[in-house]
Amino acid sequence: MRITVRFQDGAIEEFDTNTLTTDSALGRTNALTDLRVVFDDGLWVEASWYRVVSSEGSDMPLAQRSAGCRLHVLSEEEVEQVRSVELDGRLQWVRIGPDLCDVARLDETSDLFYDADEPARSMAGRATWLHDYLRDALSGELHSPDGERLVCEMLGMTEASYEFVSGVAASVYSDESFE
């Protein structure tokens, strides 16, 4: 896995985990490496592997999961300066207003609910359309004080990020024509 971090000052840092899996997996002890990328007191990569052991009386050896290690990729202070994070070239998190937002979650929610006839194709347009759609569609479930937070979580955003992006979208997608 390649993790590409872009910072607000224009710097780019890339982390490469490809060497954690052997090039001849079944001929060696590591058949598979599993990676979990998480934000928790910074950005971490949790690596585990599947160790091949011989199994007597079996035609195929058994690969058991072994707990690996946690790699502290970025500190909390460094995360505050992150503009975006890509995993294998695909945008995963991007800063919207004050917080990093989960672009994959927004894409997944879009795939589930987005109306193809809706003209807004930008991230801001999709987020505001989906927010309003979900508030209407789930109005019964969202009468709690946490309703707004839950809708924003479905979009992969914090309430502060949604407030920022909806303000931007309101000015970009106004009904006024500039002809």
Protein backbone atom coordinates (compact mmCIF):
# COMPACT_ATOMS: atom_id res chain seq x y z
CA MET A 1 0.00 0.00 0.00
CA ARG A 2 1.20 3.47 -0.84
CA ILE A 3 0.09 6.25 1.51
CA THR A 4 0.52 9.73 0.06
CA VAL A 5 0.08 12.65 2.45
CA ARG A 6 -0.22 16.18 1.07
CA PHE A 7 0.33 19.01 3.53
CA GLN A 8 -1.15 22.51 3.52
CA ASP A 9 2.27 24.05 2.84
CA GLY A 10 2.58 22.01 -0.40
CA ALA A 11 4.90 19.34 0.97
CA ILE A 12 4.23 15.70 0.07
CA GLU A 13 5.23 12.67 2.11
CA GLU A 14 4.84 9.11 0.84
CA PHE A 15 4.91 5.89 2.82
CA ASP A 16 5.27 2.52 1.07
CA THR A 17 4.33 -0.75 2.75
CA ASN A 18 4.89 -3.00 -0.28
CA THR A 19 7.95 -4.64 1.26
CA LEU A 20 5.86 -6.03 4.13
CA THR A 21 4.67 -8.92 1.93
CA THR A 22 7.18 -11.27 0.38
CA ASP A 23 7.41 -11.61 -3.39
CA SER A 24 6.99 -15.39 -3.12
CA ALA A 25 4.27 -15.63 -0.52
CA LEU A 26 3.65 -19.37 -0.47
CA GLY A 27 7.36 -20.21 -0.59
CA ARG A 28 8.13 -18.27 2.57
CA THR A 29 6.59 -17.73 5.98
CA ASN A 30 4.53 -14.61 5.12
CA ALA A 31 1.63 -15.34 2.77
CA LEU A 32 -0.28 -12.11 3.31
CA THR A 33 0.11 -8.81 5.10
CA ASP A 34 -2.99 -7.00 6.26
CA LEU A 35 -2.90 -3.28 6.89
CA ARG A 36 -5.32 -1.09 8.79
CA VAL A 37 -4.98 2.69 8.47
CA VAL A 38 -6.54 4.65 11.36
CA PHE A 39 -6.64 8.14 12.83
CA ASP A 40 -6.16 7.79 16.57
CA ASP A 41 -3.80 10.24 18.25
CA GLY A 42 -2.29 10.80 14.81
CA LEU A 43 -2.17 8.58 11.72
CA TRP A 44 -1.30 4.93 12.33
CA VAL A 45 -0.80 1.89 10.15
CA GLU A 46 -1.48 -1.39 11.94
CA ALA A 47 0.25 -4.28 10.19
CA SER A 48 -0.49 -7.96 10.77
CA TRP A 49 0.62 -10.94 8.72
CA TYR A 50 -0.41 -14.46 7.92
CA ARG A 51 2.35 -16.86 8.83
CA VAL A 52 2.41 -20.11 6.84
CA VAL A 53 2.81 -23.18 9.01
CA SER A 54 2.82 -26.77 7.91
CA SER A 55 -0.28 -28.71 8.86
CA GLU A 56 0.25 -32.43 9.32
CA GLY A 57 -2.26 -34.55 7.46
CA SER A 58 -3.44 -31.63 5.33
CA ASP A 59 -2.89 -31.07 1.61
CA MET A 60 -2.59 -27.34 2.12
CA PRO A 61 -0.55 -25.50 4.73
CA LEU A 62 -2.42 -23.24 7.14
CA ALA A 63 -1.69 -19.51 7.27
CA GLN A 64 -2.55 -18.12 10.68
CA ARG A 65 -2.93 -14.43 11.39
CA SER A 66 -0.21 -13.03 13.60
CA ALA A 67 -0.51 -9.71 15.34
CA GLY A 68 2.01 -7.33 13.88
CA CYS A 69 2.94 -3.85 14.88
CA ARG A 70 1.57 -0.30 14.93
CA LEU A 71 3.44 2.24 12.86
CA HIS A 72 2.98 5.85 13.97
CA VAL A 73 3.05 7.57 10.59
CA LEU A 74 1.99 11.10 11.61
CA SER A 75 1.66 12.79 15.00
CA GLU A 76 -1.49 14.71 15.96
CA GLU A 77 0.36 17.97 15.26
CA GLU A 78 1.32 16.77 11.77
CA VAL A 79 -2.27 15.64 11.06
CA GLU A 80 -3.42 19.22 11.77
CA GLN A 81 -1.28 20.30 8.78
CA VAL A 82 -2.55 17.57 6.40
CA ARG A 83 -4.48 18.70 3.32
CA SER A 84 -5.26 15.20 1.98
CA VAL A 85 -4.36 11.52 2.28
CA GLU A 86 -4.41 9.05 -0.62
CA LEU A 87 -4.28 5.28 -0.31
CA ASP A 88 -2.83 3.64 -3.42
CA GLY A 89 -3.57 6.75 -5.47
CA ARG A 90 -7.21 7.07 -4.38
CA LEU A 91 -8.27 10.07 -2.30
CA GLN A 92 -9.36 8.80 1.13
CA TRP A 93 -9.40 11.91 3.35
CA VAL A 94 -9.43 15.60 2.44
CA ARG A 95 -9.53 18.68 4.63
CA ILE A 96 -12.84 20.49 4.36
CA GLY A 97 -12.86 23.53 6.56
CA PRO A 98 -11.36 22.62 9.93
CA ASP A 99 -11.37 18.81 9.71
CA LEU A 100 -10.32 15.87 7.55
CA CYS A 101 -13.31 14.25 5.91
CA ASP A 102 -13.71 10.66 4.74
CA VAL A 103 -14.15 10.93 0.96
CA ALA A 104 -14.75 7.18 0.63
CA ARG A 105 -17.72 7.42 2.99
CA LEU A 106 -19.15 10.34 1.00
CA ASP A 107 -18.70 8.31 -2.20
CA GLU A 108 -20.39 5.27 -0.66
CA THR A 109 -23.34 7.34 0.54
CA SER A 110 -23.54 8.97 -2.90
CA ASP A 111 -23.65 5.55 -4.53
CA LEU A 112 -26.54 4.55 -2.28
CA PHE A 113 -28.70 7.66 -2.48
CA TYR A 114 -27.52 10.18 -5.05
CA ASP A 115 -29.96 11.18 -7.77
CA ALA A 116 -28.29 11.04 -11.20
CA ASP A 117 -30.55 13.88 -12.39
CA GLU A 118 -29.10 16.21 -9.73
CA PRO A 119 -26.77 18.56 -11.64
CA ALA A 120 -24.19 19.19 -8.87
CA ARG A 121 -21.23 16.89 -9.38
CA SER A 122 -18.68 18.59 -7.12
CA MET A 123 -17.99 17.24 -3.65
CA ALA A 124 -19.65 20.30 -2.10
CA GLY A 125 -22.74 19.94 -4.28
CA ARG A 126 -23.08 16.22 -3.55
CA ALA A 127 -22.57 16.72 0.18
CA THR A 128 -25.25 19.40 0.49
CA TRP A 129 -27.72 17.55 -1.72
CA LEU A 130 -27.16 14.32 0.24
CA HIS A 131 -27.40 16.11 3.57
CA ASP A 132 -30.80 17.57 2.70
CA TYR A 133 -31.98 14.30 1.18
CA LEU A 134 -30.98 12.27 4.25
CA ARG A 135 -32.51 14.79 6.66
CA ASP A 136 -35.82 14.42 4.79
CA ALA A 137 -35.65 10.65 4.21
CA LEU A 138 -34.61 9.84 7.78
CA SER A 139 -36.57 12.56 9.55
CA GLY A 140 -38.15 10.10 12.01
CA GLU A 141 -34.81 8.66 13.12
CA LEU A 142 -33.10 12.05 13.32
CA HIS A 143 -35.28 13.91 15.80
CA SER A 144 -32.71 13.32 18.51
CA PRO A 145 -30.24 16.02 19.54
CA ASP A 146 -27.56 13.98 17.71
CA GLY A 147 -29.49 14.00 14.41
CA GLU A 148 -27.26 16.52 12.64
CA ARG A 149 -24.09 14.77 13.82
CA LEU A 150 -25.41 11.42 12.55
CA VAL A 151 -26.21 12.83 9.09
CA CYS A 152 -22.78 14.42 8.89
CA GLU A 153 -21.16 11.12 9.91
CA MET A 154 -23.01 9.42 7.05
CA LEU A 155 -21.33 11.95 4.77
CA GLY A 156 -17.91 11.26 6.32
CA MET A 157 -17.80 14.77 7.81
CA THR A 158 -17.90 16.56 11.10
CA GLU A 159 -20.62 19.16 11.67
CA ALA A 160 -17.99 21.92 11.38
CA SER A 161 -16.82 20.61 8.00
CA TYR A 162 -20.39 20.32 6.74
CA GLU A 163 -21.12 23.89 7.86
CA PHE A 164 -18.06 25.05 5.90
CA VAL A 165 -18.86 23.09 2.73
CA SER A 166 -22.56 24.01 2.75
CA GLY A 167 -21.62 27.70 3.01
CA VAL A 168 -19.31 27.35 0.04
CA ALA A 169 -21.91 25.38 -1.93
CA ALA A 170 -24.57 27.98 -1.19
CA SER A 171 -22.48 30.68 -2.78
CA VAL A 172 -21.39 28.55 -5.75
CA TYR A 173 -24.79 27.03 -6.51
CA SER A 174 -26.91 30.14 -6.00
CA ASP A 175 -29.92 30.59 -8.26
CA GLU A 176 -28.58 33.84 -9.63
CA SER A 177 -27.36 33.82 -13.20
CA PHE A 178 -24.17 35.64 -14.12
CA GLU A 179 -25.02 36.24 -17.78
